[in-house]
């Protein structure tokens, strides 16, 4: 089994949790006392991690919120990853970047995000094909999470297009699971806001793949349908992500605890 998948499964068992917290640390929404810190996003992230880690199996920083702050944002992201590796090395780390580029450029991203920052996994756009994503897919020590059926309202504009009688999102799931996943290091993004598609993706890939499921919390995805339709036969195989509903809650620890327990009630 891929070491990242093994790491996640061990953490799920230890924390009894399928919950991933998205560290979408928008500077403009940080409480004022964090904005006064030398690295505001890192100070906020550290506090969120301190509050939520007992209930969490993965953290997922979204790259855009850090890039928007320039050098300071990059330093905050680097400090966040150093903190997670030092204090919580058993928790999965996902870089939410949704990258898609040609192979030579992707080699630079691999160095920056896998090797320098130390992420376990990264979200990728499959549109450029296997050849372009080879620098990621060749990393047997990491995990590649391919966009399949995303959670946003306009996802169907292209993803629902019929190709040879099948929707494009289904073909992506089929191709990634049957052709790209030779190293066992591929996962798929399947949004909680499309529960029927999530159910079909799980039926297609069986127990062989882990699914990253955004869309609960602020986006309104149904927790019961997410777990019943998306979990594998062992009640796992899901990384269920919530961001704003946890990190900007009045009590992030309570929000994470509640979501963890709600997910577990349907496993």
C-alpha atoms as a PDB file:
ATOM      1  CA  UNK A   1       0.000   0.000   0.000  1.00  0.00           C
ATOM      2  CA  UNK A   2       1.130   3.549  -0.734  1.00  0.00           C
ATOM      3  CA  UNK A   3       2.785   5.044   2.394  1.00  0.00           C
ATOM      4  CA  UNK A   4       0.568   8.151   2.308  1.00  0.00           C
ATOM      5  CA  UNK A   5      -2.574   6.029   2.204  1.00  0.00           C
ATOM      6  CA  UNK A   6      -1.175   3.925   5.055  1.00  0.00           C
ATOM      7  CA  UNK A   7      -0.404   7.077   7.041  1.00  0.00           C
ATOM      8  CA  UNK A   8      -3.920   8.375   6.580  1.00  0.00           C
ATOM      9  CA  UNK A   9      -5.547   5.069   7.476  1.00  0.00           C
ATOM     10  CA  UNK A  10      -3.481   4.811  10.661  1.00  0.00           C
ATOM     11  CA  UNK A  11      -4.520   8.318  11.664  1.00  0.00           C
ATOM     12  CA  UNK A  12      -8.199   7.605  10.908  1.00  0.00           C
ATOM     13  CA  UNK A  13      -8.034   4.652  13.283  1.00  0.00           C
ATOM     14  CA  UNK A  14      -6.088   6.512  15.980  1.00  0.00           C
ATOM     15  CA  UNK A  15      -8.282   9.636  15.951  1.00  0.00           C
ATOM     16  CA  UNK A  16     -11.487   7.810  14.962  1.00  0.00           C
ATOM     17  CA  UNK A  17     -11.957  10.545  12.375  1.00  0.00           C
ATOM     18  CA  UNK A  18     -12.531  11.092   8.666  1.00  0.00           C
ATOM     19  CA  UNK A  19     -12.298  14.865   9.076  1.00  0.00           C
ATOM     20  CA  UNK A  20      -9.903  17.099   7.147  1.00  0.00           C
ATOM     21  CA  UNK A  21      -9.667  20.767   8.102  1.00  0.00           C
ATOM     22  CA  UNK A  22      -8.887  23.148   5.260  1.00  0.00           C
ATOM     23  CA  UNK A  23      -6.463  25.844   6.359  1.00  0.00           C
ATOM     24  CA  UNK A  24      -7.983  28.464   4.033  1.00  0.00           C
ATOM     25  CA  UNK A  25      -6.527  31.249   6.134  1.00  0.00           C
ATOM     26  CA  UNK A  26      -7.780  34.343   4.339  1.00  0.00           C
ATOM     27  CA  UNK A  27      -5.838  37.231   5.878  1.00  0.00           C
ATOM     28  CA  UNK A  28      -8.805  39.605   5.691  1.00  0.00           C
ATOM     29  CA  UNK A  29     -10.892  37.251   7.852  1.00  0.00           C
ATOM     30  CA  UNK A  30      -8.293  36.669  10.560  1.00  0.00           C
ATOM     31  CA  UNK A  31      -9.100  38.079  14.009  1.00  0.00           C
ATOM     32  CA  UNK A  32      -7.254  41.409  14.461  1.00  0.00           C
ATOM     33  CA  UNK A  33      -4.845  40.142  17.098  1.00  0.00           C
ATOM     34  CA  UNK A  34      -3.498  37.556  14.623  1.00  0.00           C
ATOM     35  CA  UNK A  35      -3.043  40.236  11.964  1.00  0.00           C
ATOM     36  CA  UNK A  36      -0.558  41.945  14.287  1.00  0.00           C
ATOM     37  CA  UNK A  37       1.750  38.909  14.360  1.00  0.00           C
ATOM     38  CA  UNK A  38       4.952  38.722  12.303  1.00  0.00           C
ATOM     39  CA  UNK A  39       3.455  35.818  10.325  1.00  0.00           C
ATOM     40  CA  UNK A  40      -0.297  36.281  10.771  1.00  0.00           C
ATOM     41  CA  UNK A  41      -1.444  33.222   8.822  1.00  0.00           C
ATOM     42  CA  UNK A  42       0.981  30.925  10.594  1.00  0.00           C
ATOM     43  CA  UNK A  43      -0.036  32.258  14.015  1.00  0.00           C
ATOM     44  CA  UNK A  44      -3.671  31.639  13.131  1.00  0.00           C
ATOM     45  CA  UNK A  45      -2.964  28.181  11.687  1.00  0.00           C
ATOM     46  CA  UNK A  46      -1.011  27.129  14.750  1.00  0.00           C
ATOM     47  CA  UNK A  47      -3.928  28.154  16.966  1.00  0.00           C
ATOM     48  CA  UNK A  48      -6.410  26.272  14.755  1.00  0.00           C
ATOM     49  CA  UNK A  49      -4.225  23.161  14.811  1.00  0.00           C
ATOM     50  CA  UNK A  50      -3.849  23.371  18.583  1.00  0.00           C
ATOM     51  CA  UNK A  51      -7.645  23.576  18.920  1.00  0.00           C
ATOM     52  CA  UNK A  52      -8.639  20.901  16.415  1.00  0.00           C
ATOM     53  CA  UNK A  53      -5.930  18.235  16.101  1.00  0.00           C
ATOM     54  CA  UNK A  54      -7.544  15.657  18.432  1.00  0.00           C
ATOM     55  CA  UNK A  55     -10.477  15.405  15.999  1.00  0.00           C
ATOM     56  CA  UNK A  56      -8.640  15.636  12.676  1.00  0.00           C
ATOM     57  CA  UNK A  57      -6.909  13.182  10.352  1.00  0.00           C
ATOM     58  CA  UNK A  58      -5.739  15.683   7.689  1.00  0.00           C
ATOM     59  CA  UNK A  59      -4.984  19.365   7.184  1.00  0.00           C
ATOM     60  CA  UNK A  60      -5.319  20.988   3.778  1.00  0.00           C
ATOM     61  CA  UNK A  61      -3.849  24.465   3.210  1.00  0.00           C
ATOM     62  CA  UNK A  62      -5.143  26.118   0.043  1.00  0.00           C
ATOM     63  CA  UNK A  63      -2.127  27.560  -1.746  1.00  0.00           C
ATOM     64  CA  UNK A  64      -3.958  30.636  -3.080  1.00  0.00           C
ATOM     65  CA  UNK A  65      -4.451  32.231   0.341  1.00  0.00           C
ATOM     66  CA  UNK A  66      -0.694  32.136   0.977  1.00  0.00           C
ATOM     67  CA  UNK A  67       0.428  33.173  -2.492  1.00  0.00           C
ATOM     68  CA  UNK A  68      -1.840  36.211  -2.164  1.00  0.00           C
ATOM     69  CA  UNK A  69       0.379  37.466   0.681  1.00  0.00           C
ATOM     70  CA  UNK A  70       3.627  37.196  -1.295  1.00  0.00           C
ATOM     71  CA  UNK A  71       6.805  36.356   0.609  1.00  0.00           C
ATOM     72  CA  UNK A  72       5.041  36.660   3.963  1.00  0.00           C
ATOM     73  CA  UNK A  73       2.425  34.137   2.858  1.00  0.00           C
ATOM     74  CA  UNK A  74       5.026  31.666   1.646  1.00  0.00           C
ATOM     75  CA  UNK A  75       6.873  31.982   4.959  1.00  0.00           C
ATOM     76  CA  UNK A  76       3.602  31.348   6.810  1.00  0.00           C
ATOM     77  CA  UNK A  77       2.937  28.239   4.764  1.00  0.00           C
ATOM     78  CA  UNK A  78       6.490  26.995   5.300  1.00  0.00           C
ATOM     79  CA  UNK A  79       6.203  27.615   9.048  1.00  0.00           C
ATOM     80  CA  UNK A  80       2.841  25.827   9.140  1.00  0.00           C
ATOM     81  CA  UNK A  81       4.323  22.759   7.486  1.00  0.00           C
ATOM     82  CA  UNK A  82       7.352  22.778   9.769  1.00  0.00           C
ATOM     83  CA  UNK A  83       5.032  22.961  12.762  1.00  0.00           C
ATOM     84  CA  UNK A  84       2.870  20.071  11.535  1.00  0.00           C
ATOM     85  CA  UNK A  85       5.877  17.882  10.794  1.00  0.00           C
ATOM     86  CA  UNK A  86       7.358  18.578  14.227  1.00  0.00           C
ATOM     87  CA  UNK A  87       4.216  18.410  16.377  1.00  0.00           C
ATOM     88  CA  UNK A  88       1.787  16.216  14.434  1.00  0.00           C
ATOM     89  CA  UNK A  89       3.758  14.046  11.986  1.00  0.00           C
ATOM     90  CA  UNK A  90       0.978  11.439  11.984  1.00  0.00           C
ATOM     91  CA  UNK A  91      -1.588  13.812  10.438  1.00  0.00           C
ATOM     92  CA  UNK A  92      -1.901  13.837   6.643  1.00  0.00           C
ATOM     93  CA  UNK A  93      -0.990  17.089   4.872  1.00  0.00           C
ATOM     94  CA  UNK A  94      -2.588  18.043   1.547  1.00  0.00           C
ATOM     95  CA  UNK A  95      -1.570  20.971  -0.637  1.00  0.00           C
ATOM     96  CA  UNK A  96      -4.757  22.218  -2.277  1.00  0.00           C
ATOM     97  CA  UNK A  97      -3.268  23.660  -5.457  1.00  0.00           C
ATOM     98  CA  UNK A  98      -5.273  22.046  -8.299  1.00  0.00           C
ATOM     99  CA  UNK A  99      -2.200  22.234 -10.503  1.00  0.00           C
ATOM    100  CA  UNK A 100      -2.122  21.531 -14.234  1.00  0.00           C
ATOM    101  CA  UNK A 101       0.940  22.293 -16.330  1.00  0.00           C
ATOM    102  CA  UNK A 102       3.467  20.725 -18.669  1.00  0.00           C
ATOM    103  CA  UNK A 103       5.953  18.226 -17.305  1.00  0.00           C
ATOM    104  CA  UNK A 104       9.011  20.474 -17.057  1.00  0.00           C
ATOM    105  CA  UNK A 105       7.064  23.001 -14.977  1.00  0.00           C
ATOM    106  CA  UNK A 106       5.557  20.285 -12.822  1.00  0.00           C
ATOM    107  CA  UNK A 107       9.036  19.114 -11.858  1.00  0.00           C
ATOM    108  CA  UNK A 108       9.505  22.507 -10.224  1.00  0.00           C
ATOM    109  CA  UNK A 109       6.226  22.150  -8.348  1.00  0.00           C
ATOM    110  CA  UNK A 110       7.267  18.682  -7.174  1.00  0.00           C
ATOM    111  CA  UNK A 111      10.476  20.098  -5.735  1.00  0.00           C
ATOM    112  CA  UNK A 112       8.719  23.032  -4.072  1.00  0.00           C
ATOM    113  CA  UNK A 113       5.662  21.304  -2.647  1.00  0.00           C
ATOM    114  CA  UNK A 114       6.709  17.707  -2.034  1.00  0.00           C
ATOM    115  CA  UNK A 115      10.402  18.130  -1.263  1.00  0.00           C
ATOM    116  CA  UNK A 116      10.821  21.623   0.162  1.00  0.00           C
ATOM    117  CA  UNK A 117       7.506  22.052   1.984  1.00  0.00           C
ATOM    118  CA  UNK A 118       7.033  18.341   2.642  1.00  0.00           C
ATOM    119  CA  UNK A 119       3.375  17.860   1.735  1.00  0.00           C
ATOM    120  CA  UNK A 120       2.129  14.271   1.668  1.00  0.00           C
ATOM    121  CA  UNK A 121      -0.361  14.866  -1.136  1.00  0.00           C
ATOM    122  CA  UNK A 122      -1.441  17.462  -3.667  1.00  0.00           C
ATOM    123  CA  UNK A 123      -4.582  18.184  -5.669  1.00  0.00           C
ATOM    124  CA  UNK A 124      -4.086  18.083  -9.430  1.00  0.00           C
ATOM    125  CA  UNK A 125      -6.118  18.881 -12.541  1.00  0.00           C
ATOM    126  CA  UNK A 126      -6.051  15.927 -14.970  1.00  0.00           C
ATOM    127  CA  UNK A 127      -6.815  18.035 -18.072  1.00  0.00           C
ATOM    128  CA  UNK A 128      -3.240  17.957 -19.462  1.00  0.00           C
ATOM    129  CA  UNK A 129      -3.013  14.169 -19.251  1.00  0.00           C
ATOM    130  CA  UNK A 130      -0.736  11.562 -17.717  1.00  0.00           C
ATOM    131  CA  UNK A 131       2.410  12.624 -19.587  1.00  0.00           C
ATOM    132  CA  UNK A 132       2.279  16.143 -18.167  1.00  0.00           C
ATOM    133  CA  UNK A 133       1.548  14.946 -14.628  1.00  0.00           C
ATOM    134  CA  UNK A 134       4.252  12.259 -14.694  1.00  0.00           C
ATOM    135  CA  UNK A 135       6.568  14.118 -12.250  1.00  0.00           C
ATOM    136  CA  UNK A 136       3.806  13.831  -9.636  1.00  0.00           C
ATOM    137  CA  UNK A 137       2.500  10.400 -10.580  1.00  0.00           C
ATOM    138  CA  UNK A 138       5.989   8.880 -10.469  1.00  0.00           C
ATOM    139  CA  UNK A 139       6.364   9.701  -6.777  1.00  0.00           C
ATOM    140  CA  UNK A 140       5.541   6.429  -5.054  1.00  0.00           C
ATOM    141  CA  UNK A 141       6.166   8.065  -1.668  1.00  0.00           C
ATOM    142  CA  UNK A 142       3.467  10.714  -2.175  1.00  0.00           C
ATOM    143  CA  UNK A 143      -0.180  10.894  -3.235  1.00  0.00           C
ATOM    144  CA  UNK A 144      -1.844  12.621  -6.194  1.00  0.00           C
ATOM    145  CA  UNK A 145      -5.453  13.721  -5.734  1.00  0.00           C
ATOM    146  CA  UNK A 146      -7.092  14.209  -9.148  1.00  0.00           C
ATOM    147  CA  UNK A 147     -10.055  16.501  -9.656  1.00  0.00           C
ATOM    148  CA  UNK A 148     -13.011  14.403 -10.755  1.00  0.00           C
ATOM    149  CA  UNK A 149     -16.418  15.752  -9.668  1.00  0.00           C
ATOM    150  CA  UNK A 150     -15.776  19.043  -7.934  1.00  0.00           C
ATOM    151  CA  UNK A 151     -18.123  20.609  -5.381  1.00  0.00           C
ATOM    152  CA  UNK A 152     -18.684  24.051  -6.942  1.00  0.00           C
ATOM    153  CA  UNK A 153     -22.106  24.960  -8.430  1.00  0.00           C
ATOM    154  CA  UNK A 154     -20.760  25.362 -11.971  1.00  0.00           C
ATOM    155  CA  UNK A 155     -18.879  22.059 -12.007  1.00  0.00           C
ATOM    156  CA  UNK A 156     -21.182  20.509 -14.576  1.00  0.00           C
ATOM    157  CA  UNK A 157     -20.298  22.965 -17.346  1.00  0.00           C
ATOM    158  CA  UNK A 158     -17.582  20.604 -18.544  1.00  0.00           C
ATOM    159  CA  UNK A 159     -17.713  17.705 -16.087  1.00  0.00           C
ATOM    160  CA  UNK A 160     -21.232  16.675 -17.166  1.00  0.00           C
ATOM    161  CA  UNK A 161     -20.445  16.648 -20.878  1.00  0.00           C
ATOM    162  CA  UNK A 162     -21.202  13.270 -22.444  1.00  0.00           C
ATOM    163  CA  UNK A 163     -18.284  11.451 -24.061  1.00  0.00           C
ATOM    164  CA  UNK A 164     -19.143   8.104 -25.672  1.00  0.00           C
ATOM    165  CA  UNK A 165     -22.293   7.973 -23.583  1.00  0.00           C
ATOM    166  CA  UNK A 166     -20.614   8.672 -20.247  1.00  0.00           C
ATOM    167  CA  UNK A 167     -20.211  11.965 -18.367  1.00  0.00           C
ATOM    168  CA  UNK A 168     -16.689  13.331 -18.387  1.00  0.00           C
ATOM    169  CA  UNK A 169     -16.342  13.092 -14.596  1.00  0.00           C
ATOM    170  CA  UNK A 170     -17.098   9.348 -14.803  1.00  0.00           C
ATOM    171  CA  UNK A 171     -14.471   8.851 -17.497  1.00  0.00           C
ATOM    172  CA  UNK A 172     -11.906  10.672 -15.337  1.00  0.00           C
ATOM    173  CA  UNK A 173     -12.680   8.372 -12.403  1.00  0.00           C
ATOM    174  CA  UNK A 174     -12.531   5.314 -14.636  1.00  0.00           C
ATOM    175  CA  UNK A 175      -9.275   6.286 -16.338  1.00  0.00           C
ATOM    176  CA  UNK A 176      -7.427   7.408 -13.214  1.00  0.00           C
ATOM    177  CA  UNK A 177      -8.430   4.305 -11.265  1.00  0.00           C
ATOM    178  CA  UNK A 178      -7.718   1.825 -14.067  1.00  0.00           C
ATOM    179  CA  UNK A 179      -4.781   3.403 -15.935  1.00  0.00           C
ATOM    180  CA  UNK A 180      -2.979   6.012 -13.826  1.00  0.00           C
ATOM    181  CA  UNK A 181      -3.091   4.319 -10.438  1.00  0.00           C
ATOM    182  CA  UNK A 182      -0.439   1.681 -11.137  1.00  0.00           C
ATOM    183  CA  UNK A 183       1.555   2.795  -8.070  1.00  0.00           C
ATOM    184  CA  UNK A 184      -1.484   3.000  -5.807  1.00  0.00           C
ATOM    185  CA  UNK A 185      -0.773   6.695  -5.218  1.00  0.00           C
ATOM    186  CA  UNK A 186      -3.866   8.228  -6.830  1.00  0.00           C
ATOM    187  CA  UNK A 187      -6.949   9.590  -5.105  1.00  0.00           C
ATOM    188  CA  UNK A 188      -9.980  11.413  -6.509  1.00  0.00           C
ATOM    189  CA  UNK A 189     -11.854  14.601  -5.596  1.00  0.00           C
ATOM    190  CA  UNK A 190     -15.603  13.990  -5.379  1.00  0.00           C
ATOM    191  CA  UNK A 191     -17.731  16.764  -3.917  1.00  0.00           C
ATOM    192  CA  UNK A 192     -20.271  16.231  -1.160  1.00  0.00           C
ATOM    193  CA  UNK A 193     -22.616  18.585  -3.018  1.00  0.00           C
ATOM    194  CA  UNK A 194     -23.147  15.900  -5.693  1.00  0.00           C
ATOM    195  CA  UNK A 195     -24.021  12.819  -3.616  1.00  0.00           C
ATOM    196  CA  UNK A 196     -25.278  10.666  -6.492  1.00  0.00           C
ATOM    197  CA  UNK A 197     -22.058  11.194  -8.452  1.00  0.00           C
ATOM    198  CA  UNK A 198     -20.073  10.483  -5.280  1.00  0.00           C
ATOM    199  CA  UNK A 199     -21.958   7.208  -4.875  1.00  0.00           C
ATOM    200  CA  UNK A 200     -21.243   6.234  -8.481  1.00  0.00           C
ATOM    201  CA  UNK A 201     -17.547   7.035  -8.133  1.00  0.00           C
ATOM    202  CA  UNK A 202     -17.279   4.826  -5.041  1.00  0.00           C
ATOM    203  CA  UNK A 203     -19.101   2.030  -6.835  1.00  0.00           C
ATOM    204  CA  UNK A 204     -16.682   2.343  -9.759  1.00  0.00           C
ATOM    205  CA  UNK A 205     -13.421   2.373  -7.792  1.00  0.00           C
ATOM    206  CA  UNK A 206     -14.526   0.008  -5.011  1.00  0.00           C
ATOM    207  CA  UNK A 207     -12.256  -0.101  -1.975  1.00  0.00           C
ATOM    208  CA  UNK A 208      -9.138   0.588  -4.023  1.00  0.00           C
ATOM    209  CA  UNK A 209      -9.061   4.392  -3.791  1.00  0.00           C
ATOM    210  CA  UNK A 210      -9.430   7.110  -1.181  1.00  0.00           C
ATOM    211  CA  UNK A 211     -11.722  10.025  -2.023  1.00  0.00           C
ATOM    212  CA  UNK A 212     -11.185  13.633  -0.963  1.00  0.00           C
ATOM    213  CA  UNK A 213     -14.654  15.060  -0.395  1.00  0.00           C
ATOM    214  CA  UNK A 214     -14.999  18.846  -0.126  1.00  0.00           C
ATOM    215  CA  UNK A 215     -18.317  20.619   0.178  1.00  0.00           C
ATOM    216  CA  UNK A 216     -19.685  19.959   3.670  1.00  0.00           C
ATOM    217  CA  UNK A 217     -20.014  22.885   6.047  1.00  0.00           C
ATOM    218  CA  UNK A 218     -20.243  26.242   4.276  1.00  0.00           C
ATOM    219  CA  UNK A 219     -21.059  24.651   0.894  1.00  0.00           C
ATOM    220  CA  UNK A 220     -23.966  22.688   2.310  1.00  0.00           C
ATOM    221  CA  UNK A 221     -23.088  19.095   1.428  1.00  0.00           C
ATOM    222  CA  UNK A 222     -25.112  16.482   3.326  1.00  0.00           C
ATOM    223  CA  UNK A 223     -23.021  14.528   5.826  1.00  0.00           C
ATOM    224  CA  UNK A 224     -25.240  11.442   5.898  1.00  0.00           C
ATOM    225  CA  UNK A 225     -25.289  11.066   2.110  1.00  0.00           C
ATOM    226  CA  UNK A 226     -21.556  11.735   1.960  1.00  0.00           C
ATOM    227  CA  UNK A 227     -20.655   8.925   4.319  1.00  0.00           C
ATOM    228  CA  UNK A 228     -23.265   6.405   3.186  1.00  0.00           C
ATOM    229  CA  UNK A 229     -22.486   6.974  -0.490  1.00  0.00           C
ATOM    230  CA  UNK A 230     -18.769   7.643  -0.335  1.00  0.00           C
ATOM    231  CA  UNK A 231     -17.269   5.402   2.341  1.00  0.00           C
ATOM    232  CA  UNK A 232     -15.712   2.100   1.356  1.00  0.00           C
ATOM    233  CA  UNK A 233     -16.881  -1.261   2.682  1.00  0.00           C
ATOM    234  CA  UNK A 234     -14.821  -0.730   5.869  1.00  0.00           C
ATOM    235  CA  UNK A 235     -16.385   2.657   6.677  1.00  0.00           C
ATOM    236  CA  UNK A 236     -13.269   4.525   5.544  1.00  0.00           C
ATOM    237  CA  UNK A 237     -11.615   5.638   2.329  1.00  0.00           C
ATOM    238  CA  UNK A 238     -12.881   9.202   2.762  1.00  0.00           C
ATOM    239  CA  UNK A 239     -11.093  12.458   3.523  1.00  0.00           C
ATOM    240  CA  UNK A 240     -14.032  14.761   4.300  1.00  0.00           C
ATOM    241  CA  UNK A 241     -12.934  18.375   4.176  1.00  0.00           C
ATOM    242  CA  UNK A 242     -14.397  21.381   5.958  1.00  0.00           C
ATOM    243  CA  UNK A 243     -12.698  24.758   5.980  1.00  0.00           C
ATOM    244  CA  UNK A 244     -14.633  27.913   6.847  1.00  0.00           C
ATOM    245  CA  UNK A 245     -17.154  26.030   8.989  1.00  0.00           C
ATOM    246  CA  UNK A 246     -14.310  25.095  11.344  1.00  0.00           C
ATOM    247  CA  UNK A 247     -11.569  27.687  11.155  1.00  0.00           C
ATOM    248  CA  UNK A 248     -13.884  30.719  11.363  1.00  0.00           C
ATOM    249  CA  UNK A 249     -16.274  29.180  13.880  1.00  0.00           C
ATOM    250  CA  UNK A 250     -16.596  30.849  17.276  1.00  0.00           C
ATOM    251  CA  UNK A 251     -15.204  27.652  18.804  1.00  0.00           C
ATOM    252  CA  UNK A 252     -13.099  25.727  16.247  1.00  0.00           C
ATOM    253  CA  UNK A 253     -12.483  22.819  18.632  1.00  0.00           C
ATOM    254  CA  UNK A 254     -16.185  22.309  19.190  1.00  0.00           C
ATOM    255  CA  UNK A 255     -16.925  22.657  15.459  1.00  0.00           C
ATOM    256  CA  UNK A 256     -14.307  20.029  14.559  1.00  0.00           C
ATOM    257  CA  UNK A 257     -15.441  17.712  17.352  1.00  0.00           C
ATOM    258  CA  UNK A 258     -19.073  17.968  16.242  1.00  0.00           C
ATOM    259  CA  UNK A 259     -18.259  17.300  12.584  1.00  0.00           C
ATOM    260  CA  UNK A 260     -16.047  14.342  13.508  1.00  0.00           C
ATOM    261  CA  UNK A 261     -18.837  12.803  15.547  1.00  0.00           C
ATOM    262  CA  UNK A 262     -21.495  13.484  12.909  1.00  0.00           C
ATOM    263  CA  UNK A 263     -19.383  11.726  10.274  1.00  0.00           C
ATOM    264  CA  UNK A 264     -18.815   8.785  12.607  1.00  0.00           C
ATOM    265  CA  UNK A 265     -22.527   8.412  13.332  1.00  0.00           C
ATOM    266  CA  UNK A 266     -23.063   7.218   9.750  1.00  0.00           C
ATOM    267  CA  UNK A 267     -19.978   5.017   9.342  1.00  0.00           C
END
